[in-house]
Structure formats: C-alpha cells, structure tokens
C-alpha cells in the first residue's frame, strides 16, 4: 500500500514544523561574503578557487553540494530508475 500526503507550506513553516533552527541570518551573512568575494572575478578558474575556499568544509563541502545538486537533477528527470 502506498499513501501520498501533500502539504502546502512555506519553507519557514516547514522548518518550524520539523523543529529545525532558523538559519536565515547565517545564510544571509554567508551569501553576502560570497558575493563580496566574487566581485572582480575574471575567469572560471578564479571562481572555482574562491568557491572552494569559501564553501563550508572547503573542497569536500563543494563536492558534496555538487553531487547533491546532480542527484536532484537526475531524480527530477526520472534518472532514479535502474538503467538497462
């Protein structure tokens, strides 16, 4: 048996319902610091260097985030089915 439940709520409501902390202030500081660091970047190599230095956990965090995004894209495209 399979049951699907859909709940419409904002991200803030979902975070509160699940008991997760509000990290919006820390996120705003992080995004602001990245935006400041990215000013004046002229090539992709510089961008990679800055992103890996500023990312949480350095290069490991960047790779983890990249694999998370790629996995989400595959799942959204129906790529979670076993390949034949």
PDB file of N, CA and C in Angstrom:
ATOM      1  N   UNK A   1       0.848  -1.163   0.000  1.00  0.00           N
ATOM      2  CA  UNK A   1       0.000   0.000   0.000  1.00  0.00           C
ATOM      3  C   UNK A   1       0.904   1.239   0.000  1.00  0.00           C
ATOM      4  N   UNK A   2       0.463   2.217  -0.750  1.00  0.00           N
ATOM      5  CA  UNK A   2       1.233   3.451  -0.848  1.00  0.00           C
ATOM      6  C   UNK A   2       0.300   4.621  -0.561  1.00  0.00           C
ATOM      7  N   UNK A   3       0.731   5.501   0.338  1.00  0.00           N
ATOM      8  CA  UNK A   3      -0.058   6.673   0.699  1.00  0.00           C
ATOM      9  C   UNK A   3       0.786   7.912   0.444  1.00  0.00           C
ATOM     10  N   UNK A   4       0.236   8.854  -0.274  1.00  0.00           N
ATOM     11  CA  UNK A   4       0.912  10.127  -0.533  1.00  0.00           C
ATOM     12  C   UNK A   4       0.169  11.232   0.187  1.00  0.00           C
ATOM     13  N   UNK A   5       0.913  12.053   0.887  1.00  0.00           N
ATOM     14  CA  UNK A   5       0.334  13.201   1.580  1.00  0.00           C
ATOM     15  C   UNK A   5       1.035  14.446   1.069  1.00  0.00           C
ATOM     16  N   UNK A   6       0.268  15.421   0.620  1.00  0.00           N
ATOM     17  CA  UNK A   6       0.826  16.682   0.149  1.00  0.00           C
ATOM     18  C   UNK A   6       0.475  17.781   1.147  1.00  0.00           C
ATOM     19  N   UNK A   7       1.488  18.547   1.510  1.00  0.00           N
ATOM     20  CA  UNK A   7       1.299  19.645   2.460  1.00  0.00           C
ATOM     21  C   UNK A   7       1.813  20.915   1.802  1.00  0.00           C
ATOM     22  N   UNK A   8       0.974  21.914   1.740  1.00  0.00           N
ATOM     23  CA  UNK A   8       1.398  23.206   1.203  1.00  0.00           C
ATOM     24  C   UNK A   8       1.807  24.101   2.355  1.00  0.00           C
ATOM     25  N   UNK A   9       3.057  24.548   2.315  1.00  0.00           N
ATOM     26  CA  UNK A   9       3.535  25.471   3.334  1.00  0.00           C
ATOM     27  C   UNK A   9       4.775  26.179   2.812  1.00  0.00           C
ATOM     28  N   UNK A  10       5.117  27.247   3.472  1.00  0.00           N
ATOM     29  CA  UNK A  10       6.328  27.983   3.115  1.00  0.00           C
ATOM     30  C   UNK A  10       7.532  27.246   3.704  1.00  0.00           C
ATOM     31  N   UNK A  11       8.732  27.543   3.217  1.00  0.00           N
ATOM     32  CA  UNK A  11       9.921  26.930   3.821  1.00  0.00           C
ATOM     33  C   UNK A  11      10.039  27.233   5.320  1.00  0.00           C
ATOM     34  N   UNK A  12       9.666  28.429   5.718  1.00  0.00           N
ATOM     35  CA  UNK A  12       9.726  28.790   7.134  1.00  0.00           C
ATOM     36  C   UNK A  12       8.755  27.943   7.957  1.00  0.00           C
ATOM     37  N   UNK A  13       7.550  27.728   7.446  1.00  0.00           N
ATOM     38  CA  UNK A  13       6.572  26.900   8.145  1.00  0.00           C
ATOM     39  C   UNK A  13       7.047  25.443   8.243  1.00  0.00           C
ATOM     40  N   UNK A  14       7.636  24.933   7.164  1.00  0.00           N
ATOM     41  CA  UNK A  14       8.142  23.559   7.174  1.00  0.00           C
ATOM     42  C   UNK A  14       9.276  23.417   8.186  1.00  0.00           C
ATOM     43  N   UNK A  15      10.183  24.388   8.211  1.00  0.00           N
ATOM     44  CA  UNK A  15      11.306  24.351   9.153  1.00  0.00           C
ATOM     45  C   UNK A  15      10.802  24.358  10.590  1.00  0.00           C
ATOM     46  N   UNK A  16       9.841  25.202  10.864  1.00  0.00           N
ATOM     47  CA  UNK A  16       9.278  25.285  12.208  1.00  0.00           C
ATOM     48  C   UNK A  16       8.566  23.988  12.580  1.00  0.00           C
ATOM     49  N   UNK A  17       7.782  23.445  11.670  1.00  0.00           N
ATOM     50  CA  UNK A  17       7.041  22.204  11.912  1.00  0.00           C
ATOM     51  C   UNK A  17       7.985  21.044  12.218  1.00  0.00           C
ATOM     52  N   UNK A  18       9.128  20.992  11.509  1.00  0.00           N
ATOM     53  CA  UNK A  18      10.081  19.901  11.693  1.00  0.00           C
ATOM     54  C   UNK A  18      11.049  20.152  12.845  1.00  0.00           C
ATOM     55  N   UNK A  19      10.950  21.320  13.463  1.00  0.00           N
ATOM     56  CA  UNK A  19      11.791  21.626  14.611  1.00  0.00           C
ATOM     57  C   UNK A  19      13.212  22.025  14.252  1.00  0.00           C
ATOM     58  N   UNK A  20      13.415  22.461  13.012  1.00  0.00           N
ATOM     59  CA  UNK A  20      14.749  22.865  12.578  1.00  0.00           C
ATOM     60  C   UNK A  20      14.993  24.329  12.929  1.00  0.00           C
ATOM     61  N   UNK A  21      16.242  24.696  13.197  1.00  0.00           N
ATOM     62  CA  UNK A  21      16.526  26.093  13.564  1.00  0.00           C
ATOM     63  C   UNK A  21      16.423  27.022  12.363  1.00  0.00           C
ATOM     64  N   UNK A  22      16.148  28.275  12.642  1.00  0.00           N
ATOM     65  CA  UNK A  22      16.107  29.296  11.592  1.00  0.00           C
ATOM     66  C   UNK A  22      17.544  29.765  11.341  1.00  0.00           C
ATOM     67  N   UNK A  23      18.065  29.437  10.175  1.00  0.00           N
ATOM     68  CA  UNK A  23      19.452  29.782   9.850  1.00  0.00           C
ATOM     69  C   UNK A  23      19.521  30.908   8.820  1.00  0.00           C
ATOM     70  N   UNK A  24      18.433  31.647   8.658  1.00  0.00           N
ATOM     71  CA  UNK A  24      18.390  32.683   7.628  1.00  0.00           C
ATOM     72  C   UNK A  24      19.434  33.776   7.861  1.00  0.00           C
ATOM     73  N   UNK A  25      19.705  34.133   9.115  1.00  0.00           N
ATOM     74  CA  UNK A  25      20.704  35.173   9.394  1.00  0.00           C
ATOM     75  C   UNK A  25      22.092  34.680   8.989  1.00  0.00           C
ATOM     76  N   UNK A  26      22.433  33.454   9.362  1.00  0.00           N
ATOM     77  CA  UNK A  26      23.738  32.895   8.984  1.00  0.00           C
ATOM     78  C   UNK A  26      23.839  32.754   7.467  1.00  0.00           C
ATOM     79  N   UNK A  27      22.746  32.349   6.833  1.00  0.00           N
ATOM     80  CA  UNK A  27      22.737  32.209   5.378  1.00  0.00           C
ATOM     81  C   UNK A  27      22.954  33.566   4.703  1.00  0.00           C
ATOM     82  N   UNK A  28      22.310  34.606   5.212  1.00  0.00           N
ATOM     83  CA  UNK A  28      22.482  35.941   4.632  1.00  0.00           C
ATOM     84  C   UNK A  28      23.927  36.414   4.743  1.00  0.00           C
ATOM     85  N   UNK A  29      24.567  36.162   5.882  1.00  0.00           N
ATOM     86  CA  UNK A  29      25.969  36.537   6.067  1.00  0.00           C
ATOM     87  C   UNK A  29      26.849  35.762   5.093  1.00  0.00           C
ATOM     88  N   UNK A  30      26.591  34.472   4.954  1.00  0.00           N
ATOM     89  CA  UNK A  30      27.366  33.613   4.054  1.00  0.00           C
ATOM     90  C   UNK A  30      27.230  34.092   2.607  1.00  0.00           C
ATOM     91  N   UNK A  31      26.004  34.348   2.166  1.00  0.00           N
ATOM     92  CA  UNK A  31      25.766  34.800   0.797  1.00  0.00           C
ATOM     93  C   UNK A  31      26.413  36.163   0.561  1.00  0.00           C
ATOM     94  N   UNK A  32      26.325  37.043   1.540  1.00  0.00           N
ATOM     95  CA  UNK A  32      26.942  38.370   1.417  1.00  0.00           C
ATOM     96  C   UNK A  32      28.461  38.256   1.274  1.00  0.00           C
ATOM     97  N   UNK A  33      29.088  37.393   2.070  1.00  0.00           N
ATOM     98  CA  UNK A  33      30.540  37.204   1.978  1.00  0.00           C
ATOM     99  C   UNK A  33      30.940  36.611   0.632  1.00  0.00           C
ATOM    100  N   UNK A  34      30.173  35.679   0.133  1.00  0.00           N
ATOM    101  CA  UNK A  34      30.475  35.089  -1.173  1.00  0.00           C
ATOM    102  C   UNK A  34      30.321  36.137  -2.268  1.00  0.00           C
ATOM    103  N   UNK A  35      29.255  36.942  -2.194  1.00  0.00           N
ATOM    104  CA  UNK A  35      29.037  37.982  -3.203  1.00  0.00           C
ATOM    105  C   UNK A  35      30.193  38.982  -3.211  1.00  0.00           C
ATOM    106  N   UNK A  36      30.678  39.362  -2.029  1.00  0.00           N
ATOM    107  CA  UNK A  36      31.812  40.285  -1.957  1.00  0.00           C
ATOM    108  C   UNK A  36      33.067  39.652  -2.551  1.00  0.00           C
ATOM    109  N   UNK A  37      33.283  38.378  -2.263  1.00  0.00           N
ATOM    110  CA  UNK A  37      34.484  37.696  -2.757  1.00  0.00           C
ATOM    111  C   UNK A  37      34.437  37.501  -4.267  1.00  0.00           C
ATOM    112  N   UNK A  38      33.247  37.361  -4.816  1.00  0.00           N
ATOM    113  CA  UNK A  38      33.109  37.090  -6.247  1.00  0.00           C
ATOM    114  C   UNK A  38      33.247  38.346  -7.107  1.00  0.00           C
ATOM    115  N   UNK A  39      33.220  39.510  -6.505  1.00  0.00           N
ATOM    116  CA  UNK A  39      33.364  40.738  -7.279  1.00  0.00           C
ATOM    117  C   UNK A  39      34.769  40.808  -7.876  1.00  0.00           C
ATOM    118  N   UNK A  40      34.847  41.087  -9.145  1.00  0.00           N
ATOM    119  CA  UNK A  40      36.128  41.237  -9.803  1.00  0.00           C
ATOM    120  C   UNK A  40      36.712  39.947 -10.348  1.00  0.00           C
ATOM    121  N   UNK A  41      35.968  38.871 -10.298  1.00  0.00           N
ATOM    122  CA  UNK A  41      36.467  37.606 -10.846  1.00  0.00           C
ATOM    123  C   UNK A  41      36.379  37.670 -12.359  1.00  0.00           C
ATOM    124  N   UNK A  42      37.478  37.337 -13.021  1.00  0.00           N
ATOM    125  CA  UNK A  42      37.523  37.476 -14.468  1.00  0.00           C
ATOM    126  C   UNK A  42      37.551  36.158 -15.224  1.00  0.00           C
ATOM    127  N   UNK A  43      37.790  35.027 -14.543  1.00  0.00           N
ATOM    128  CA  UNK A  43      37.806  33.752 -15.260  1.00  0.00           C
ATOM    129  C   UNK A  43      37.268  32.617 -14.376  1.00  0.00           C
ATOM    130  N   UNK A  44      36.857  31.507 -14.968  1.00  0.00           N
ATOM    131  CA  UNK A  44      36.275  30.397 -14.208  1.00  0.00           C
ATOM    132  C   UNK A  44      37.230  29.775 -13.192  1.00  0.00           C
ATOM    133  N   UNK A  45      38.526  29.785 -13.460  1.00  0.00           N
ATOM    134  CA  UNK A  45      39.483  29.214 -12.510  1.00  0.00           C
ATOM    135  C   UNK A  45      39.493  30.003 -11.209  1.00  0.00           C
ATOM    136  N   UNK A  46      39.422  31.325 -11.324  1.00  0.00           N
ATOM    137  CA  UNK A  46      39.352  32.165 -10.125  1.00  0.00           C
ATOM    138  C   UNK A  46      38.075  31.870  -9.358  1.00  0.00           C
ATOM    139  N   UNK A  47      36.983  31.720 -10.077  1.00  0.00           N
ATOM    140  CA  UNK A  47      35.697  31.429  -9.444  1.00  0.00           C
ATOM    141  C   UNK A  47      35.776  30.122  -8.670  1.00  0.00           C
ATOM    142  N   UNK A  48      36.340  29.083  -9.262  1.00  0.00           N
ATOM    143  CA  UNK A  48      36.483  27.785  -8.597  1.00  0.00           C
ATOM    144  C   UNK A  48      37.331  27.909  -7.330  1.00  0.00           C
ATOM    145  N   UNK A  49      38.410  28.674  -7.428  1.00  0.00           N
ATOM    146  CA  UNK A  49      39.306  28.842  -6.288  1.00  0.00           C
ATOM    147  C   UNK A  49      38.595  29.552  -5.134  1.00  0.00           C
ATOM    148  N   UNK A  50      37.880  30.633  -5.428  1.00  0.00           N
ATOM    149  CA  UNK A  50      37.146  31.348  -4.389  1.00  0.00           C
ATOM    150  C   UNK A  50      36.038  30.496  -3.793  1.00  0.00           C
ATOM    151  N   UNK A  51      35.299  29.804  -4.642  1.00  0.00           N
ATOM    152  CA  UNK A  51      34.187  28.988  -4.159  1.00  0.00           C
ATOM    153  C   UNK A  51      34.673  27.873  -3.249  1.00  0.00           C
ATOM    154  N   UNK A  52      35.770  27.229  -3.604  1.00  0.00           N
ATOM    155  CA  UNK A  52      36.272  26.139  -2.764  1.00  0.00           C
ATOM    156  C   UNK A  52      36.823  26.662  -1.444  1.00  0.00           C
ATOM    157  N   UNK A  53      37.387  27.857  -1.452  1.00  0.00           N
ATOM    158  CA  UNK A  53      37.914  28.438  -0.218  1.00  0.00           C
ATOM    159  C   UNK A  53      36.806  28.905   0.720  1.00  0.00           C
ATOM    160  N   UNK A  54      35.716  29.397   0.166  1.00  0.00           N
ATOM    161  CA  UNK A  54      34.635  29.940   0.994  1.00  0.00           C
ATOM    162  C   UNK A  54      33.577  28.911   1.372  1.00  0.00           C
ATOM    163  N   UNK A  55      33.532  27.823   0.649  1.00  0.00           N
ATOM    164  CA  UNK A  55      32.499  26.817   0.898  1.00  0.00           C
ATOM    165  C   UNK A  55      32.704  26.179   2.273  1.00  0.00           C
ATOM    166  N   UNK A  56      31.587  25.805   2.942  1.00  0.00           N
ATOM    167  CA  UNK A  56      31.735  25.091   4.208  1.00  0.00           C
ATOM    168  C   UNK A  56      32.520  23.810   3.974  1.00  0.00           C
ATOM    169  N   UNK A  57      33.443  23.515   4.823  1.00  0.00           N
ATOM    170  CA  UNK A  57      34.306  22.327   4.739  1.00  0.00           C
ATOM    171  C   UNK A  57      35.202  22.364   3.505  1.00  0.00           C
ATOM    172  N   UNK A  58      35.410  23.532   2.915  1.00  0.00           N
ATOM    173  CA  UNK A  58      36.321  23.668   1.783  1.00  0.00           C
ATOM    174  C   UNK A  58      35.913  22.845   0.585  1.00  0.00           C
ATOM    175  N   UNK A  59      36.872  22.182  -0.015  1.00  0.00           N
ATOM    176  CA  UNK A  59      36.648  21.420  -1.244  1.00  0.00           C
ATOM    177  C   UNK A  59      35.685  20.255  -1.027  1.00  0.00           C
ATOM    178  N   UNK A  60      35.736  19.621   0.133  1.00  0.00           N
ATOM    179  CA  UNK A  60      34.850  18.486   0.418  1.00  0.00           C
ATOM    180  C   UNK A  60      33.392  18.939   0.410  1.00  0.00           C
ATOM    181  N   UNK A  61      33.118  20.073   1.034  1.00  0.00           N
ATOM    182  CA  UNK A  61      31.760  20.606   1.054  1.00  0.00           C
ATOM    183  C   UNK A  61      31.274  20.967  -0.334  1.00  0.00           C
ATOM    184  N   UNK A  62      32.167  21.517  -1.143  1.00  0.00           N
ATOM    185  CA  UNK A  62      31.818  21.895  -2.510  1.00  0.00           C
ATOM    186  C   UNK A  62      31.464  20.654  -3.328  1.00  0.00           C
ATOM    187  N   UNK A  63      32.259  19.598  -3.210  1.00  0.00           N
ATOM    188  CA  UNK A  63      31.991  18.348  -3.935  1.00  0.00           C
ATOM    189  C   UNK A  63      30.687  17.714  -3.456  1.00  0.00           C
ATOM    190  N   UNK A  64      30.450  17.744  -2.144  1.00  0.00           N
ATOM    191  CA  UNK A  64      29.221  17.187  -1.590  1.00  0.00           C
ATOM    192  C   UNK A  64      28.004  17.934  -2.116  1.00  0.00           C
ATOM    193  N   UNK A  65      28.081  19.260  -2.138  1.00  0.00           N
ATOM    194  CA  UNK A  65      26.980  20.067  -2.661  1.00  0.00           C
ATOM    195  C   UNK A  65      26.766  19.794  -4.145  1.00  0.00           C
ATOM    196  N   UNK A  66      27.862  19.680  -4.899  1.00  0.00           N
ATOM    197  CA  UNK A  66      27.765  19.403  -6.330  1.00  0.00           C
ATOM    198  C   UNK A  66      27.087  18.056  -6.579  1.00  0.00           C
ATOM    199  N   UNK A  67      27.457  17.028  -5.825  1.00  0.00           N
ATOM    200  CA  UNK A  67      26.836  15.714  -6.011  1.00  0.00           C
ATOM    201  C   UNK A  67      25.367  15.746  -5.593  1.00  0.00           C
ATOM    202  N   UNK A  68      25.042  16.545  -4.563  1.00  0.00           N
ATOM    203  CA  UNK A  68      23.655  16.691  -4.133  1.00  0.00           C
ATOM    204  C   UNK A  68      22.808  17.313  -5.242  1.00  0.00           C
ATOM    205  N   UNK A  69      23.326  18.364  -5.864  1.00  0.00           N
ATOM    206  CA  UNK A  69      22.604  19.037  -6.948  1.00  0.00           C
ATOM    207  C   UNK A  69      22.449  18.103  -8.149  1.00  0.00           C
ATOM    208  N   UNK A  70      23.519  17.403  -8.505  1.00  0.00           N
ATOM    209  CA  UNK A  70      23.458  16.479  -9.644  1.00  0.00           C
ATOM    210  C   UNK A  70      22.457  15.354  -9.383  1.00  0.00           C
ATOM    211  N   UNK A  71      22.443  14.827  -8.174  1.00  0.00           N
ATOM    212  CA  UNK A  71      21.488  13.780  -7.819  1.00  0.00           C
ATOM    213  C   UNK A  71      20.055  14.276  -7.897  1.00  0.00           C
ATOM    214  N   UNK A  72      19.826  15.496  -7.439  1.00  0.00           N
ATOM    215  CA  UNK A  72      18.492  16.081  -7.519  1.00  0.00           C
ATOM    216  C   UNK A  72      18.043  16.284  -8.952  1.00  0.00           C
ATOM    217  N   UNK A  73      18.986  16.687  -9.813  1.00  0.00           N
ATOM    218  CA  UNK A  73      18.646  16.883 -11.223  1.00  0.00           C
ATOM    219  C   UNK A  73      18.313  15.546 -11.890  1.00  0.00           C
ATOM    220  N   UNK A  74      19.068  14.512 -11.558  1.00  0.00           N
ATOM    221  CA  UNK A  74      18.800  13.189 -12.131  1.00  0.00           C
ATOM    222  C   UNK A  74      17.439  12.672 -11.674  1.00  0.00           C
ATOM    223  N   UNK A  75      17.137  12.848 -10.389  1.00  0.00           N
ATOM    224  CA  UNK A  75      15.856  12.389  -9.862  1.00  0.00           C
ATOM    225  C   UNK A  75      14.699  13.154 -10.501  1.00  0.00           C
ATOM    226  N   UNK A  76      14.892  14.452 -10.725  1.00  0.00           N
ATOM    227  CA  UNK A  76      13.844  15.269 -11.332  1.00  0.00           C
ATOM    228  C   UNK A  76      13.589  14.871 -12.781  1.00  0.00           C
ATOM    229  N   UNK A  77      14.629  14.344 -13.432  1.00  0.00           N
ATOM    230  CA  UNK A  77      14.496  13.931 -14.823  1.00  0.00           C
ATOM    231  C   UNK A  77      14.107  12.465 -14.940  1.00  0.00           C
ATOM    232  N   UNK A  78      13.826  11.827 -13.819  1.00  0.00           N
ATOM    233  CA  UNK A  78      13.457  10.413 -13.852  1.00  0.00           C
ATOM    234  C   UNK A  78      14.650   9.503 -13.950  1.00  0.00           C
ATOM    235  N   UNK A  79      15.813   9.994 -13.613  1.00  0.00           N
ATOM    236  CA  UNK A  79      17.045   9.204 -13.709  1.00  0.00           C
ATOM    237  C   UNK A  79      17.251   8.241 -12.567  1.00  0.00           C
ATOM    238  N   UNK A  80      16.304   8.185 -11.618  1.00  0.00           N
ATOM    239  CA  UNK A  80      16.479   7.283 -10.481  1.00  0.00           C
ATOM    240  C   UNK A  80      16.090   5.858 -10.833  1.00  0.00           C
ATOM    241  N   UNK A  81      15.572   5.627 -12.047  1.00  0.00           N
ATOM    242  CA  UNK A  81      15.204   4.292 -12.486  1.00  0.00           C
ATOM    243  C   UNK A  81      16.481   3.510 -12.799  1.00  0.00           C
ATOM    244  N   UNK A  82      16.493   2.203 -12.525  1.00  0.00           N
ATOM    245  CA  UNK A  82      17.684   1.429 -12.850  1.00  0.00           C
ATOM    246  C   UNK A  82      17.921   1.394 -14.355  1.00  0.00           C
ATOM    247  N   UNK A  83      19.181   1.544 -14.756  1.00  0.00           N
ATOM    248  CA  UNK A  83      19.494   1.543 -16.175  1.00  0.00           C
ATOM    249  C   UNK A  83      19.592   0.121 -16.687  1.00  0.00           C
ATOM    250  N   UNK A  84      19.245  -0.074 -17.952  1.00  0.00           N
ATOM    251  CA  UNK A  84      19.270  -1.411 -18.545  1.00  0.00           C
ATOM    252  C   UNK A  84      20.366  -1.507 -19.564  1.00  0.00           C
TER     253      UNK A  84
END
